[in-house]
Each structure stands twice: as structure tokens, then as C-alpha cells.
Protein backbone atom coordinates (compact mmCIF):
# COMPACT_ATOMS: atom_id res chain seq x y z
CA UNK A 1 -4.21 -11.55 14.44
CA UNK A 2 -3.03 -12.57 10.64
CA UNK A 3 -1.05 -9.48 8.63
CA UNK A 4 -4.27 -9.44 6.50
CA UNK A 5 -6.25 -8.83 9.82
CA UNK A 6 -4.19 -6.18 10.59
CA UNK A 7 -3.61 -4.37 7.05
CA UNK A 8 -7.39 -4.33 6.85
CA UNK A 9 -7.53 -2.70 10.19
CA UNK A 10 -5.23 -0.25 9.70
CA UNK A 11 -6.85 0.15 5.89
CA UNK A 12 -10.52 0.79 7.92
CA UNK A 13 -9.16 3.01 10.27
CA UNK A 14 -6.95 5.39 7.74
CA UNK A 15 -10.36 5.49 5.74
CA UNK A 16 -12.58 5.85 8.17
CA UNK A 17 -11.17 8.34 11.42
CA UNK A 18 -7.56 9.75 10.54
CA UNK A 19 -8.32 12.99 7.83
CA UNK A 20 -4.84 14.00 7.17
CA UNK A 21 -5.02 12.98 3.68
CA UNK A 22 -7.70 15.74 3.02
CA UNK A 23 -7.03 18.27 5.93
CA UNK A 24 -5.58 21.74 5.52
CA UNK A 25 -2.81 21.31 6.90
CA UNK A 26 1.11 21.83 4.76
CA UNK A 27 1.40 17.74 5.17
CA UNK A 28 4.46 17.95 2.72
CA UNK A 29 6.28 19.63 5.48
CA UNK A 30 5.22 17.62 7.59
CA UNK A 31 6.60 14.47 5.93
CA UNK A 32 9.87 16.08 6.30
CA UNK A 33 9.61 16.02 10.18
CA UNK A 34 10.03 13.19 12.13
CA UNK A 35 6.95 12.55 13.79
CA UNK A 36 6.44 11.25 17.32
CA UNK A 37 4.06 8.68 17.92
CA UNK A 38 2.67 8.86 21.69
CA UNK A 39 1.13 5.56 20.69
CA UNK A 40 3.31 3.62 18.15
CA UNK A 41 0.26 4.04 15.60
CA UNK A 42 1.78 4.50 12.24
CA UNK A 43 -1.23 5.74 10.50
CA UNK A 44 -0.04 8.95 10.29
CA UNK A 45 3.34 8.10 8.65
CA UNK A 46 1.47 5.40 6.03
CA UNK A 47 -0.98 8.78 4.74
CA UNK A 48 2.03 11.05 4.23
CA UNK A 49 4.09 8.50 2.64
CA UNK A 50 1.01 7.47 0.47
CA UNK A 51 0.41 11.42 -0.09
CA UNK A 52 4.25 12.37 -0.35
CA UNK A 53 6.38 9.46 -0.56
CA UNK A 54 7.78 9.05 2.58
CA UNK A 55 7.54 9.71 6.27
CA UNK A 56 9.27 9.24 9.42
CA UNK A 57 8.38 8.66 12.92
CA UNK A 58 9.63 7.78 16.56
CA UNK A 59 8.23 6.04 19.05
CA UNK A 60 7.21 8.24 22.28
CA UNK A 61 5.43 8.44 25.46
CA UNK A 62 3.96 5.68 27.34
CA UNK A 63 4.71 3.39 23.88
CA UNK A 64 8.82 4.36 24.66
CA UNK A 65 7.94 3.58 28.51
CA UNK A 66 6.65 0.16 28.01
CA UNK A 67 10.07 -0.38 26.02
CA UNK A 68 12.12 0.44 28.19
CA UNK A 69 10.65 -1.43 31.15
CA UNK A 70 10.42 -4.49 29.31
CA UNK A 71 13.95 -4.38 27.88
CA UNK A 72 15.62 -2.02 30.78
CA UNK A 73 17.57 0.30 28.42
CA UNK A 74 16.40 3.35 26.62
CA UNK A 75 16.03 1.75 22.93
CA UNK A 76 14.95 4.37 20.33
CA UNK A 77 12.48 2.53 17.66
CA UNK A 78 12.40 4.71 14.28
CA UNK A 79 10.04 3.94 11.97
CA UNK A 80 10.27 4.67 8.20
CA UNK A 81 7.62 4.50 6.00
CA UNK A 82 8.32 4.62 1.79
CA UNK A 83 5.87 4.53 -0.77
CA UNK A 84 6.63 1.67 -3.13
CA UNK A 85 4.22 2.26 -5.63
CA UNK A 86 1.15 4.42 -6.24
CA UNK A 87 -2.09 2.47 -8.35
CA UNK A 88 -4.30 3.83 -10.91
CA UNK A 89 -7.31 3.37 -8.17
CA UNK A 90 -5.56 6.23 -5.57
CA UNK A 91 -4.15 3.68 -3.66
CA UNK A 92 -0.37 3.02 -2.86
CA UNK A 93 1.71 0.22 -1.18
CA UNK A 94 4.09 1.74 1.61
CA UNK A 95 6.63 -0.08 3.06
CA UNK A 96 6.95 0.37 7.05
CA UNK A 97 10.38 -0.56 8.58
CA UNK A 98 10.51 -0.63 12.39
CA UNK A 99 14.56 0.46 13.09
CA UNK A 100 16.46 0.81 16.48
CA UNK A 101 19.65 2.64 17.79
CA UNK A 102 20.44 -0.99 19.12
CA UNK A 103 21.72 -2.77 16.35
CA UNK A 104 20.73 -6.67 17.61
CA UNK A 105 17.13 -5.20 18.05
CA UNK A 106 17.09 -3.75 14.23
CA UNK A 107 17.59 -7.54 13.05
CA UNK A 108 14.18 -8.32 14.96
CA UNK A 109 12.10 -5.46 13.87
CA UNK A 110 9.08 -5.95 11.51
CA UNK A 111 9.20 -4.56 7.91
CA UNK A 112 5.71 -5.09 6.19
CA UNK A 113 4.30 -3.79 2.63
CA UNK A 114 0.78 -1.98 3.61
CA UNK A 115 -1.78 -0.90 0.82
CA UNK A 116 -2.97 2.33 1.83
CA UNK A 117 -6.49 3.99 -0.09
CA UNK A 118 -6.70 7.45 1.48
CA UNK A 119 -9.69 8.16 -0.44
CA UNK A 120 -11.73 4.84 0.25
CA UNK A 121 -15.31 4.95 0.90
CA UNK A 122 -15.69 8.58 -0.36
């Protein structure tokens, strides 16, 4: 899957099935916590960062188990989402940075900028 298709898929999922942007949840407080991501899906972080500037998560559950099986080590993968800019159309550019507690692994983890439009299609 190309990066462009991945970005379009994420934006589609965010705008159609993930409604934290308009929920009654205290999203500001949530954005200041480290959010466990059982499936390693960064969607909640993208929305929170677009709305509040930054959000953090950590890969847990089955995704973390899969990493351990593959590497033979307990490697904690953290994800930082940071809003880079906010556009006039309500969209934001959010940078996702994947980091690890293993320095050698951190250099190989992805960093990408994604355009997030939480209110698109409404």
C-alpha cells in the first residue's frame, strides 16, 4: 500500500467511524495521558493531536505481543502525534513519530506527516 493510499484510508476511517472529535469525552484531559493502543492503530492520537496539539500512545496487547514474538525482546513502541499546522478548512497536519525504548530500533521506526480532517464529510 502506498503512503498516499494509507493516508486516504486513515482520513476516511477518521471521518466516518471515529467520532471522538465531536464526543462529550474530555478530550483535552485524554490528550495529556498516554493512551494504550491494543491494535497499534494511531487514529485516536491523530484526532486528539489535531484538536489539542499533541497526544501520546503506547502499543499494547496483541500488537505488543507480536513485536515480542518477532524480535524475542520486550520492545516498547511509543507513538507521539504532534500537530504541525492548522489549516483554514478545519484540517490539520499531524506528525506521527514512532519511538522505542531500544535505541537501535528507534532509528528504523517510521515518522510521517498526515493531513487530518475530523469534520470532513459532515
